[in-house]
N, C-alpha and C. Protein backbone atom coordinates (compact mmCIF):
# COMPACT_ATOMS: atom_id res chain seq x y z
N MET A 1 -114.04 -34.95 31.65
CA MET A 1 -113.04 -35.67 30.68
C MET A 1 -112.82 -34.61 28.85
N THR A 2 -111.68 -33.92 28.72
CA THR A 2 -111.44 -33.36 27.62
C THR A 2 -110.91 -33.91 26.60
N ASP A 3 -111.72 -33.36 25.66
CA ASP A 3 -111.56 -33.57 24.17
C ASP A 3 -110.13 -33.21 23.51
N SER A 4 -109.14 -34.27 23.75
CA SER A 4 -107.88 -33.58 23.14
C SER A 4 -108.11 -33.10 21.99
N THR A 5 -108.88 -33.60 20.70
CA THR A 5 -108.81 -33.55 19.33
C THR A 5 -108.94 -31.72 19.47
N ALA A 6 -110.05 -31.66 20.07
CA ALA A 6 -110.56 -30.10 19.92
C ALA A 6 -109.72 -29.10 19.90
N ARG A 7 -108.23 -28.91 20.70
CA ARG A 7 -107.50 -27.96 20.54
C ARG A 7 -106.49 -28.14 20.09
N LYS A 8 -106.95 -27.13 18.78
CA LYS A 8 -106.05 -26.23 18.20
C LYS A 8 -104.74 -25.78 18.64
N VAL A 9 -103.77 -26.28 17.96
CA VAL A 9 -102.16 -25.64 18.00
C VAL A 9 -102.32 -24.67 16.81
N THR A 10 -102.25 -23.11 17.24
CA THR A 10 -102.26 -22.10 16.34
C THR A 10 -100.87 -21.11 16.91
N ALA A 11 -100.34 -20.79 15.51
CA ALA A 11 -98.91 -19.74 15.93
C ALA A 11 -99.32 -18.21 15.01
N ASN A 12 -98.99 -17.40 15.05
CA ASN A 12 -98.89 -16.14 14.88
C ASN A 12 -96.97 -15.59 14.72
N ILE A 13 -97.32 -14.97 14.00
CA ILE A 13 -96.06 -14.41 13.36
C ILE A 13 -96.28 -13.38 12.34
N ALA A 14 -95.61 -12.24 12.28
CA ALA A 14 -94.36 -11.32 11.35
C ALA A 14 -93.73 -12.03 10.45
N LEU A 15 -94.26 -11.87 9.32
CA LEU A 15 -93.01 -12.08 8.32
C LEU A 15 -92.98 -10.94 6.98
N THR A 16 -91.45 -10.85 6.55
CA THR A 16 -91.35 -9.80 5.82
C THR A 16 -91.52 -10.93 4.22
N LEU A 17 -91.51 -10.01 3.34
CA LEU A 17 -92.01 -10.82 1.61
C LEU A 17 -90.51 -11.63 1.61
N ASP A 18 -89.30 -11.53 1.92
CA ASP A 18 -88.65 -12.57 2.09
C ASP A 18 -88.87 -14.15 2.96
N GLY A 19 -88.80 -13.60 4.06
CA GLY A 19 -89.71 -14.49 4.96
C GLY A 19 -89.33 -14.44 6.00
N ARG A 20 -88.49 -13.14 6.45
CA ARG A 20 -87.81 -13.35 7.60
C ARG A 20 -88.17 -12.88 8.67
N TYR A 21 -88.66 -12.98 9.75
CA TYR A 21 -88.92 -12.77 11.21
C TYR A 21 -88.07 -11.47 12.21
N SER A 22 -87.01 -11.52 11.56
CA SER A 22 -86.00 -10.07 12.21
C SER A 22 -85.27 -10.18 10.92
N GLY A 23 -84.55 -8.85 10.57
CA GLY A 23 -84.04 -8.28 9.46
C GLY A 23 -82.26 -8.58 9.74
N PRO A 24 -81.42 -8.31 9.63
CA PRO A 24 -79.77 -8.73 9.72
C PRO A 24 -79.10 -8.11 10.43
N GLY A 25 -79.52 -6.81 11.55
CA GLY A 25 -79.10 -7.17 12.74
C GLY A 25 -79.31 -7.88 13.65
N GLY A 26 -80.15 -8.74 13.33
CA GLY A 26 -80.25 -10.13 14.46
C GLY A 26 -81.29 -9.85 15.26
N PRO A 27 -82.19 -10.51 16.37
CA PRO A 27 -83.64 -11.03 16.67
C PRO A 27 -84.14 -9.76 17.22
N ALA A 28 -83.26 -8.43 17.62
CA ALA A 28 -84.23 -7.32 18.01
C ALA A 28 -84.56 -6.65 16.52
N ASP A 29 -84.27 -7.15 15.40
CA ASP A 29 -83.95 -6.09 14.41
C ASP A 29 -85.42 -6.50 13.59
N MET A 30 -86.62 -5.37 13.85
CA MET A 30 -87.77 -5.63 13.52
C MET A 30 -88.36 -4.27 12.38
N GLY A 31 -87.13 -3.67 12.20
CA GLY A 31 -87.80 -2.47 11.27
C GLY A 31 -88.05 -2.29 10.25
N ALA A 32 -88.10 -3.60 9.42
CA ALA A 32 -88.96 -3.97 8.65
C ALA A 32 -90.22 -4.80 8.45
N ILE A 33 -90.52 -4.60 9.68
CA ILE A 33 -92.24 -5.35 10.54
C ILE A 33 -93.04 -4.39 11.45
N ILE A 34 -92.05 -3.46 12.21
CA ILE A 34 -92.66 -3.13 13.18
C ILE A 34 -93.77 -1.71 12.54
N ARG A 35 -93.78 -1.22 11.77
CA ARG A 35 -94.55 0.14 11.19
C ARG A 35 -95.93 -0.72 10.69
N TYR A 36 -95.89 -1.81 10.23
CA TYR A 36 -97.29 -2.91 10.02
C TYR A 36 -97.95 -3.37 11.05
N ALA A 37 -96.83 -3.52 12.35
CA ALA A 37 -97.98 -3.69 13.62
C ALA A 37 -98.92 -3.49 13.95
N THR A 38 -98.98 -2.00 13.47
CA THR A 38 -100.21 -1.16 14.35
C THR A 38 -100.84 -1.03 13.55
N THR A 39 -101.26 -1.41 12.11
CA THR A 39 -102.58 -1.12 11.38
C THR A 39 -103.61 -1.41 11.35
N GLU A 40 -104.59 -0.54 11.34
CA GLU A 40 -105.80 -1.92 11.47
C GLU A 40 -106.21 -3.00 11.11
N VAL A 41 -105.58 -3.25 9.72
CA VAL A 41 -105.12 -4.65 10.07
C VAL A 41 -105.03 -6.02 10.66
N ALA A 42 -103.79 -5.36 10.80
CA ALA A 42 -102.99 -5.84 11.99
C ALA A 42 -103.51 -5.85 13.32
N ARG A 43 -104.00 -5.37 13.78
CA ARG A 43 -104.61 -5.12 14.57
C ARG A 43 -105.97 -5.79 14.92
N ASP A 44 -106.67 -5.62 14.02
CA ASP A 44 -108.38 -6.65 13.58
C ASP A 44 -107.49 -8.03 13.54
N HIS A 45 -106.46 -8.22 13.04
CA HIS A 45 -105.67 -9.96 13.00
C HIS A 45 -105.33 -10.48 14.35
N LEU A 46 -104.82 -9.26 15.34
CA LEU A 46 -104.26 -9.48 16.66
C LEU A 46 -105.66 -9.96 17.73
N THR A 47 -106.60 -9.54 17.06
CA THR A 47 -108.04 -10.16 18.02
C THR A 47 -107.76 -11.54 17.44
N ARG A 48 -108.14 -11.38 16.41
CA ARG A 48 -108.43 -12.96 16.16
C ARG A 48 -107.92 -14.11 16.25
N ILE A 49 -106.34 -13.61 16.72
CA ILE A 49 -105.39 -14.73 17.23
C ILE A 49 -105.74 -15.89 18.41
N TRP A 50 -106.23 -14.56 19.20
CA TRP A 50 -106.36 -15.28 20.93
C TRP A 50 -107.87 -15.48 21.14
N GLU A 51 -108.46 -15.18 20.15
CA GLU A 51 -110.13 -14.88 20.62
C GLU A 51 -110.80 -16.87 20.78
N ASN A 52 -110.46 -17.13 20.64
CA ASN A 52 -110.21 -19.38 20.72
C ASN A 52 -109.06 -20.00 21.29
N ALA A 53 -108.17 -19.16 21.87
CA ALA A 53 -107.22 -19.25 22.64
C ALA A 53 -107.31 -19.27 24.35
N THR A 54 -106.79 -20.56 25.11
CA THR A 54 -106.62 -20.55 26.73
C THR A 54 -105.43 -20.76 26.73
N THR A 55 -104.54 -20.94 26.13
CA THR A 55 -102.81 -21.31 26.64
C THR A 55 -102.53 -20.15 25.50
N ALA A 56 -101.28 -19.77 26.43
CA ALA A 56 -99.82 -18.73 25.69
C ALA A 56 -98.77 -20.00 25.26
N LEU A 57 -98.10 -20.30 24.48
CA LEU A 57 -96.76 -21.14 24.30
C LEU A 57 -96.41 -20.14 23.90
N LEU A 58 -94.50 -19.76 25.02
CA LEU A 58 -94.01 -18.65 24.26
C LEU A 58 -92.19 -19.33 24.33
N GLY A 59 -91.65 -18.79 23.78
CA GLY A 59 -89.97 -19.09 23.98
C GLY A 59 -89.84 -18.14 25.24
N ARG A 60 -88.48 -18.50 25.54
CA ARG A 60 -87.71 -17.51 26.93
C ARG A 60 -88.09 -16.02 26.19
N LEU A 61 -86.96 -15.72 24.82
CA LEU A 61 -87.16 -14.65 24.41
C LEU A 61 -88.11 -13.75 24.55
N ASN A 62 -89.40 -13.91 23.92
CA ASN A 62 -90.45 -13.40 23.64
C ASN A 62 -91.11 -13.23 25.15
N ALA A 63 -91.14 -14.55 26.04
CA ALA A 63 -92.17 -14.14 27.01
C ALA A 63 -91.01 -13.30 27.74
N GLU A 64 -89.72 -12.88 27.85
CA GLU A 64 -89.21 -11.57 28.37
C GLU A 64 -89.73 -10.33 27.86
N GLY A 65 -89.39 -10.35 27.28
CA GLY A 65 -89.72 -9.06 26.04
C GLY A 65 -91.48 -8.89 26.42
N PHE A 66 -92.21 -9.38 26.13
CA PHE A 66 -94.14 -9.63 26.27
C PHE A 66 -93.84 -8.81 27.87
N LEU A 67 -93.44 -9.42 28.47
CA LEU A 67 -93.71 -9.03 29.89
C LEU A 67 -93.15 -7.41 30.45
N GLY A 68 -92.52 -7.17 29.82
CA GLY A 68 -92.17 -5.76 29.98
C GLY A 68 -92.77 -4.95 28.99
N TYR A 69 -93.87 -5.15 27.83
CA TYR A 69 -94.63 -4.16 27.56
C TYR A 69 -95.78 -4.51 27.85
N TRP A 70 -96.47 -5.78 27.86
CA TRP A 70 -97.80 -6.13 27.43
C TRP A 70 -98.99 -5.67 28.64
N PRO A 71 -97.87 -6.19 30.17
CA PRO A 71 -98.75 -5.72 31.15
C PRO A 71 -99.30 -4.00 30.97
N THR A 72 -98.00 -3.94 30.61
CA THR A 72 -98.60 -1.70 30.72
C THR A 72 -99.66 -1.85 29.95
N VAL A 73 -99.67 -2.23 29.06
CA VAL A 73 -100.79 -2.03 27.88
C VAL A 73 -102.27 -2.82 28.52
N ALA A 74 -102.41 -3.43 28.53
CA ALA A 74 -103.40 -3.89 29.26
C ALA A 74 -104.14 -3.12 30.58
N GLU A 75 -103.00 -2.46 31.34
CA GLU A 75 -103.50 -0.90 32.31
C GLU A 75 -103.98 -0.10 31.72
N ASP A 76 -103.64 0.23 30.63
CA ASP A 76 -103.71 1.93 29.58
C ASP A 76 -105.25 2.12 29.14
N GLU A 77 -105.44 2.63 29.87
CA GLU A 77 -106.99 2.90 29.36
C GLU A 77 -106.25 3.51 28.05
N ASN A 78 -105.79 4.17 27.77
CA ASN A 78 -105.97 5.04 26.26
C ASN A 78 -105.12 4.41 25.21
N ALA A 79 -104.97 2.90 25.50
CA ALA A 79 -104.81 2.01 24.46
C ALA A 79 -105.16 1.81 23.72
N ASP A 80 -105.60 1.12 22.44
CA ASP A 80 -106.51 0.70 21.45
C ASP A 80 -106.92 -0.41 21.92
N PRO A 81 -108.25 -0.54 22.33
CA PRO A 81 -109.27 -1.52 22.78
C PRO A 81 -109.09 -2.88 22.32
N ARG A 82 -108.11 -3.16 20.73
CA ARG A 82 -107.54 -4.33 20.45
C ARG A 82 -106.49 -4.63 20.95
N ASP A 83 -105.41 -3.79 21.26
CA ASP A 83 -104.58 -3.87 21.73
C ASP A 83 -104.45 -4.82 23.51
N ARG A 84 -105.48 -3.66 24.15
CA ARG A 84 -106.01 -4.39 25.07
C ARG A 84 -106.75 -4.93 25.91
N GLY A 85 -107.24 -5.51 24.64
CA GLY A 85 -107.87 -6.93 25.03
C GLY A 85 -107.15 -8.11 24.90
N TYR A 86 -106.05 -7.67 23.68
CA TYR A 86 -104.92 -8.73 23.51
C TYR A 86 -104.34 -8.97 25.15
N ALA A 87 -103.64 -7.75 25.44
CA ALA A 87 -102.83 -7.81 26.32
C ALA A 87 -103.39 -8.05 28.35
N LYS A 88 -104.87 -8.05 27.42
CA LYS A 88 -105.46 -8.78 29.13
C LYS A 88 -105.27 -9.84 28.93
N TRP A 89 -105.70 -10.59 27.99
CA TRP A 89 -105.79 -12.35 27.12
C TRP A 89 -104.77 -12.09 28.05
N LEU A 90 -103.75 -11.59 27.83
CA LEU A 90 -101.98 -12.48 27.77
C LEU A 90 -101.85 -12.86 29.31
N VAL A 91 -102.37 -11.28 30.02
CA VAL A 91 -101.62 -11.09 31.40
C VAL A 91 -102.74 -12.24 32.04
N ASP A 92 -104.00 -12.72 31.61
CA ASP A 92 -104.82 -13.68 32.54
C ASP A 92 -104.63 -15.53 32.10
N ALA A 93 -104.13 -14.88 31.05
CA ALA A 93 -104.35 -16.69 29.99
C ALA A 93 -103.06 -17.70 30.93
N GLU A 94 -103.16 -18.95 30.57
CA GLU A 94 -102.19 -19.76 30.70
C GLU A 94 -101.18 -19.73 29.97
N LYS A 95 -99.80 -19.53 30.77
CA LYS A 95 -98.78 -19.48 29.82
C LYS A 95 -97.42 -20.85 30.19
N VAL A 96 -97.06 -20.79 29.29
CA VAL A 96 -96.19 -22.00 29.18
C VAL A 96 -95.27 -21.42 28.04
N VAL A 97 -93.94 -21.61 28.96
CA VAL A 97 -92.76 -20.76 28.60
C VAL A 97 -91.39 -21.91 28.49
N LEU A 98 -91.22 -22.17 27.07
CA LEU A 98 -89.88 -23.13 26.84
C LEU A 98 -88.81 -22.72 27.02
N SER A 99 -87.95 -23.38 28.42
CA SER A 99 -86.55 -22.54 28.42
C SER A 99 -85.65 -23.43 28.87
N THR A 100 -84.23 -23.50 28.94
CA THR A 100 -83.34 -24.57 29.36
C THR A 100 -82.90 -23.53 30.14
N THR A 101 -82.47 -22.51 30.72
CA THR A 101 -81.92 -21.41 31.00
C THR A 101 -82.91 -21.12 32.38
N LEU A 102 -84.26 -20.31 32.06
CA LEU A 102 -84.87 -19.65 33.52
C LEU A 102 -85.27 -21.03 34.48
N THR A 103 -85.17 -19.97 35.43
CA THR A 103 -85.40 -21.47 36.82
C THR A 103 -86.49 -20.72 37.20
N GLU A 104 -86.98 -19.79 37.50
CA GLU A 104 -88.32 -18.91 37.55
C GLU A 104 -89.24 -18.43 36.39
N ALA A 105 -90.68 -18.85 36.84
CA ALA A 105 -91.48 -18.46 35.94
C ALA A 105 -91.67 -16.39 35.28
N PRO A 106 -91.68 -15.70 34.72
CA PRO A 106 -91.03 -14.81 34.27
C PRO A 106 -92.67 -13.80 34.76
N TRP A 107 -93.69 -14.61 34.64
CA TRP A 107 -95.63 -13.92 34.67
C TRP A 107 -96.22 -15.06 36.01
N GLU A 108 -97.00 -14.24 36.20
CA GLU A 108 -98.29 -15.15 36.99
C GLU A 108 -98.63 -15.99 36.09
N ARG A 109 -99.62 -16.98 36.37
CA ARG A 109 -99.80 -17.95 35.91
C ARG A 109 -99.13 -18.22 34.64
N THR A 110 -97.93 -18.50 34.74
CA THR A 110 -96.73 -18.85 34.13
C THR A 110 -96.03 -20.48 34.57
N ARG A 111 -95.67 -21.06 33.54
CA ARG A 111 -94.40 -22.39 34.15
C ARG A 111 -93.93 -22.42 33.36
N VAL A 112 -92.45 -22.58 33.73
CA VAL A 112 -91.42 -22.69 32.66
C VAL A 112 -90.94 -24.24 32.94
N VAL A 113 -90.94 -24.71 31.63
CA VAL A 113 -91.08 -25.84 30.89
C VAL A 113 -89.26 -26.29 30.12
N ASN A 114 -88.49 -27.11 30.46
CA ASN A 114 -87.50 -27.67 29.66
C ASN A 114 -87.88 -28.89 29.41
N ALA A 115 -88.26 -28.80 27.79
CA ALA A 115 -88.31 -30.08 27.75
C ALA A 115 -88.98 -29.63 25.79
N PRO A 116 -88.84 -30.49 24.63
CA PRO A 116 -89.06 -30.61 23.43
C PRO A 116 -90.50 -29.60 22.93
N ALA A 117 -90.97 -28.98 22.47
CA ALA A 117 -92.10 -28.25 21.74
C ALA A 117 -93.00 -29.04 21.82
N ALA A 118 -92.73 -30.48 20.70
CA ALA A 118 -93.73 -31.49 20.57
C ALA A 118 -94.59 -32.04 22.06
N ASP A 119 -93.28 -32.35 23.58
CA ASP A 119 -93.73 -33.30 24.22
C ASP A 119 -95.15 -32.15 24.90
N VAL A 120 -94.13 -30.69 24.89
CA VAL A 120 -95.15 -30.15 25.53
C VAL A 120 -96.43 -29.79 25.13
N ILE A 121 -96.80 -29.83 23.67
CA ILE A 121 -97.85 -29.86 22.98
C ILE A 121 -98.37 -31.18 23.69
N ALA A 122 -98.20 -32.26 23.51
CA ALA A 122 -98.51 -33.61 24.00
C ALA A 122 -100.10 -33.77 25.16
N GLU A 123 -98.82 -33.15 25.92
CA GLU A 123 -98.79 -32.71 27.25
C GLU A 123 -100.38 -31.99 27.19
N LEU A 124 -100.09 -30.49 26.55
CA LEU A 124 -101.64 -29.66 27.06
C LEU A 124 -102.33 -30.30 26.02
N LYS A 125 -102.92 -30.81 24.97
CA LYS A 125 -103.39 -31.00 24.79
C LYS A 125 -104.37 -32.24 25.33
N SER A 126 -103.42 -32.91 26.47
CA SER A 126 -104.02 -33.97 26.87
C SER A 126 -104.89 -33.60 28.24
N THR A 127 -104.95 -32.53 28.60
CA THR A 127 -105.18 -31.62 29.80
C THR A 127 -105.69 -30.74 30.05
N GLY A 128 -106.34 -29.97 28.48
CA GLY A 128 -107.12 -28.93 28.92
C GLY A 128 -108.00 -28.58 27.76
N ASP A 129 -108.54 -27.30 27.28
CA ASP A 129 -108.86 -27.37 25.78
C ASP A 129 -109.16 -25.63 25.86
N GLY A 130 -109.18 -25.44 24.30
CA GLY A 130 -109.33 -23.61 24.09
C GLY A 130 -107.82 -23.83 23.39
N ASP A 131 -108.13 -23.23 22.17
CA ASP A 131 -106.59 -23.37 21.19
C ASP A 131 -105.09 -22.99 21.77
N ILE A 132 -104.56 -23.41 21.67
CA ILE A 132 -102.86 -23.57 22.31
C ILE A 132 -102.45 -22.04 21.37
N LEU A 133 -102.29 -21.19 21.41
CA LEU A 133 -101.07 -20.69 20.83
C LEU A 133 -99.90 -20.00 21.37
N VAL A 134 -99.20 -20.56 19.72
CA VAL A 134 -97.44 -19.68 19.94
C VAL A 134 -97.52 -18.83 19.10
N ASN A 135 -97.20 -17.66 19.91
CA ASN A 135 -97.67 -15.90 19.38
C ASN A 135 -95.67 -15.53 18.93
N SER A 136 -95.38 -15.35 18.19
CA SER A 136 -94.47 -14.77 17.42
C SER A 136 -93.22 -15.69 18.33
N SER A 137 -92.97 -16.59 19.00
CA SER A 137 -91.92 -17.02 19.06
C SER A 137 -91.37 -18.03 18.10
N ALA A 138 -90.79 -17.87 16.78
CA ALA A 138 -89.95 -18.67 15.87
C ALA A 138 -89.50 -19.98 16.70
N SER A 139 -88.26 -20.19 17.35
CA SER A 139 -87.65 -21.27 17.71
C SER A 139 -88.82 -22.06 18.07
N VAL A 140 -90.04 -22.21 18.61
CA VAL A 140 -91.21 -22.77 18.55
C VAL A 140 -91.87 -23.32 17.43
N ILE A 141 -92.31 -22.19 16.90
CA ILE A 141 -92.86 -22.25 16.00
C ILE A 141 -91.89 -23.22 14.87
N LYS A 142 -90.80 -23.20 14.64
CA LYS A 142 -90.24 -24.04 13.86
C LYS A 142 -90.17 -25.76 14.23
N ALA A 143 -89.96 -25.90 15.43
CA ALA A 143 -89.95 -26.89 16.16
C ALA A 143 -90.87 -27.47 15.80
N LEU A 144 -92.29 -27.11 15.80
CA LEU A 144 -93.64 -27.43 15.68
C LEU A 144 -94.43 -27.58 14.49
N LEU A 145 -93.49 -26.75 13.07
CA LEU A 145 -93.71 -27.62 12.20
C LEU A 145 -93.19 -28.28 11.78
N ALA A 146 -91.63 -28.27 12.30
CA ALA A 146 -91.00 -29.65 12.13
C ALA A 146 -91.53 -31.18 12.66
N ALA A 147 -92.57 -31.02 13.15
CA ALA A 147 -93.33 -32.27 13.89
C ALA A 147 -94.55 -32.02 13.49
N ASP A 148 -94.90 -31.11 12.52
CA ASP A 148 -96.37 -31.09 11.47
C ASP A 148 -96.92 -31.63 12.57
N LEU A 149 -96.88 -30.75 14.06
CA LEU A 149 -98.35 -30.29 14.81
C LEU A 149 -99.02 -28.69 14.86
N ILE A 150 -98.75 -27.93 13.93
CA ILE A 150 -98.96 -26.74 13.27
C ILE A 150 -100.63 -26.95 12.97
N ASP A 151 -102.10 -26.24 13.04
CA ASP A 151 -102.99 -26.98 12.96
C ASP A 151 -103.57 -25.44 12.26
N ARG A 152 -102.83 -24.11 12.28
CA ARG A 152 -103.42 -22.91 12.03
C ARG A 152 -102.68 -22.35 11.86
N LEU A 153 -101.58 -21.26 11.11
CA LEU A 153 -100.64 -20.03 10.78
C LEU A 153 -101.65 -18.93 10.83
N TYR A 154 -101.25 -17.52 11.42
CA TYR A 154 -101.79 -16.38 11.34
C TYR A 154 -100.39 -15.95 10.84
N LEU A 155 -100.72 -15.46 9.59
CA LEU A 155 -99.12 -14.99 9.05
C LEU A 155 -99.67 -13.30 8.85
N LEU A 156 -98.91 -12.60 9.74
CA LEU A 156 -98.82 -10.80 8.59
C LEU A 156 -97.53 -10.82 7.84
N VAL A 157 -97.61 -10.81 6.85
CA VAL A 157 -96.84 -10.72 6.00
C VAL A 157 -96.79 -9.01 5.76
N CYS A 158 -95.57 -8.48 5.54
CA CYS A 158 -95.01 -6.88 5.27
C CYS A 158 -94.68 -6.85 3.73
N PRO A 159 -94.88 -5.96 3.23
CA PRO A 159 -94.51 -5.62 2.48
C PRO A 159 -93.03 -4.85 2.27
N GLU A 160 -92.36 -5.69 2.48
CA GLU A 160 -90.51 -5.22 2.69
C GLU A 160 -90.03 -6.47 2.24
N ILE A 161 -88.72 -6.20 2.15
CA ILE A 161 -88.25 -7.55 1.71
C ILE A 161 -86.50 -7.00 2.37
N ALA A 162 -86.36 -7.74 3.64
CA ALA A 162 -85.02 -7.06 4.64
C ALA A 162 -84.07 -7.37 3.75
N GLY A 163 -83.91 -8.65 3.40
CA GLY A 163 -82.40 -8.54 2.75
C GLY A 163 -81.57 -9.53 3.61
N GLY A 164 -81.83 -9.88 4.75
CA GLY A 164 -81.17 -10.84 6.02
C GLY A 164 -81.76 -11.18 7.04
N GLY A 165 -81.22 -11.88 7.64
CA GLY A 165 -81.66 -12.19 8.69
C GLY A 165 -82.85 -13.38 8.97
N ARG A 166 -83.14 -13.88 10.06
CA ARG A 166 -84.05 -15.43 9.95
C ARG A 166 -85.10 -15.69 9.64
N ARG A 167 -85.09 -16.87 9.06
CA ARG A 167 -86.41 -17.40 8.41
C ARG A 167 -87.15 -17.96 9.05
N LEU A 168 -88.61 -18.15 8.52
CA LEU A 168 -89.34 -18.88 9.20
C LEU A 168 -89.04 -20.19 8.96
N PHE A 169 -89.71 -20.00 7.54
CA PHE A 169 -89.14 -21.34 6.69
C PHE A 169 -87.66 -22.40 6.04
N ASP A 170 -87.35 -22.65 7.14
CA ASP A 170 -86.24 -23.04 7.09
C ASP A 170 -85.92 -24.45 6.10
N ASP A 171 -85.29 -25.20 5.28
CA ASP A 171 -84.67 -25.91 4.17
C ASP A 171 -84.92 -27.39 5.50
N GLY A 172 -85.47 -28.20 5.14
CA GLY A 172 -85.86 -29.72 5.80
C GLY A 172 -87.46 -29.72 6.47
N LEU A 173 -88.36 -28.90 6.54
CA LEU A 173 -89.18 -29.12 7.34
C LEU A 173 -89.84 -30.18 6.36
N PRO A 174 -91.29 -30.82 6.89
CA PRO A 174 -91.59 -31.84 6.08
C PRO A 174 -92.74 -30.74 4.97
N GLY A 175 -92.88 -31.65 4.15
CA GLY A 175 -93.62 -31.22 3.06
C GLY A 175 -95.51 -30.89 3.51
N SER A 176 -96.04 -30.17 3.42
CA SER A 176 -97.35 -30.16 4.20
C SER A 176 -98.51 -28.77 3.24
N GLN A 177 -99.59 -29.37 3.03
CA GLN A 177 -100.49 -28.46 2.26
C GLN A 177 -101.17 -27.64 3.67
N TRP A 178 -102.10 -26.56 3.00
CA TRP A 178 -102.14 -25.83 3.71
C TRP A 178 -103.91 -24.95 2.93
N LYS A 179 -104.66 -24.57 3.65
CA LYS A 179 -105.93 -23.80 3.26
C LYS A 179 -105.88 -22.21 3.24
N LEU A 180 -105.99 -21.64 2.52
CA LEU A 180 -106.49 -20.16 3.43
C LEU A 180 -107.67 -19.92 3.67
N THR A 181 -107.96 -19.25 4.53
CA THR A 181 -109.16 -19.88 5.57
C THR A 181 -109.60 -18.28 5.95
N ARG A 182 -108.84 -17.31 5.71
CA ARG A 182 -108.93 -15.64 5.93
C ARG A 182 -107.88 -15.07 5.48
N GLN A 183 -108.18 -13.84 4.35
CA GLN A 183 -107.34 -12.83 4.08
C GLN A 183 -107.61 -11.73 3.81
N ASP A 184 -106.57 -9.78 4.77
CA ASP A 184 -107.23 -8.87 4.59
C ASP A 184 -105.64 -8.53 4.25
N ALA A 185 -106.39 -7.33 3.42
CA ALA A 185 -105.02 -6.03 3.12
C ALA A 185 -105.05 -5.03 3.43
N GLY A 186 -104.04 -4.62 4.04
CA GLY A 186 -103.99 -3.32 4.26
C GLY A 186 -103.59 -1.73 3.74
N GLU A 187 -104.06 -0.97 4.51
CA GLU A 187 -104.04 0.45 3.15
C GLU A 187 -102.05 0.67 3.40
N LEU A 188 -100.74 -0.16 3.57
CA LEU A 188 -99.70 0.27 3.65
C LEU A 188 -99.25 -1.46 2.56
N GLY A 189 -100.23 -1.75 2.17
CA GLY A 189 -99.74 -3.23 1.36
C GLY A 189 -99.26 -4.43 2.22
N GLU A 190 -99.42 -4.68 3.73
CA GLU A 190 -99.80 -5.43 4.40
C GLU A 190 -100.51 -6.53 4.28
N ILE A 191 -100.55 -7.63 4.49
CA ILE A 191 -101.53 -9.04 4.26
C ILE A 191 -101.92 -9.84 5.32
N ALA A 192 -103.04 -9.88 6.22
CA ALA A 192 -103.13 -9.94 7.31
C ALA A 192 -103.41 -11.75 6.72
N MET A 193 -102.88 -13.24 7.16
CA MET A 193 -103.74 -14.13 6.32
C MET A 193 -103.90 -15.31 7.57
N VAL A 194 -104.58 -16.19 7.15
CA VAL A 194 -104.92 -17.09 8.29
C VAL A 194 -105.28 -18.39 7.34
N TYR A 195 -103.96 -19.45 7.39
CA TYR A 195 -103.76 -20.76 7.24
C TYR A 195 -104.51 -21.98 7.84
N ASP A 196 -105.09 -22.99 7.43
CA ASP A 196 -105.53 -24.24 8.05
C ASP A 196 -105.00 -25.16 7.43
N ARG A 197 -103.87 -25.92 8.54
CA ARG A 197 -103.50 -27.18 7.90
C ARG A 197 -104.34 -28.12 7.03
N VAL A 198 -104.25 -28.44 6.27
CA VAL A 198 -105.21 -29.89 5.49
C VAL A 198 -104.34 -30.98 5.62
N ARG A 199 -105.31 -31.80 6.33
CA ARG A 199 -104.99 -33.09 7.02
C ARG A 199 -105.76 -34.45 6.12
């Protein structure tokens, strides 16, 4: 019997100062974020996000994008050890991909689920242990924020204003209170923060 209350739902995402996870050029416009993703602070932050997680919950776009990148990092002996540690974790972890269009799992140890994010979280919390990490999948994070199901937010705030693009915190979310439990500032002005939901 597993203790379902022990499974935290955590989410990781990088944002610009104006709260955007991509720029005005669309989902692939990461110009205001990408240069901060490989700093010392960002790489240490990357290690923190997966240390207690046993399940990765991803949207289809991220699952497909990650598949093209992280498995090669896991095999690259010259990669930064923090990047390689995360890559190996992601390859080996249980992965759940939320999609209405995929018919086959894009990775090993992966299952595709066509269901609301809140329902998937309820099922995962009842059947496993370890944290459930929603990694950079904004659509999934938004759905779980709307349902007040996220227990911890890992944010990397990049010191740029994108001026356009999609925001993470849309109007209409339920009000909530968060406690800052960690904060690290980097040389380029990026700040890695960990916020825990106050319940």
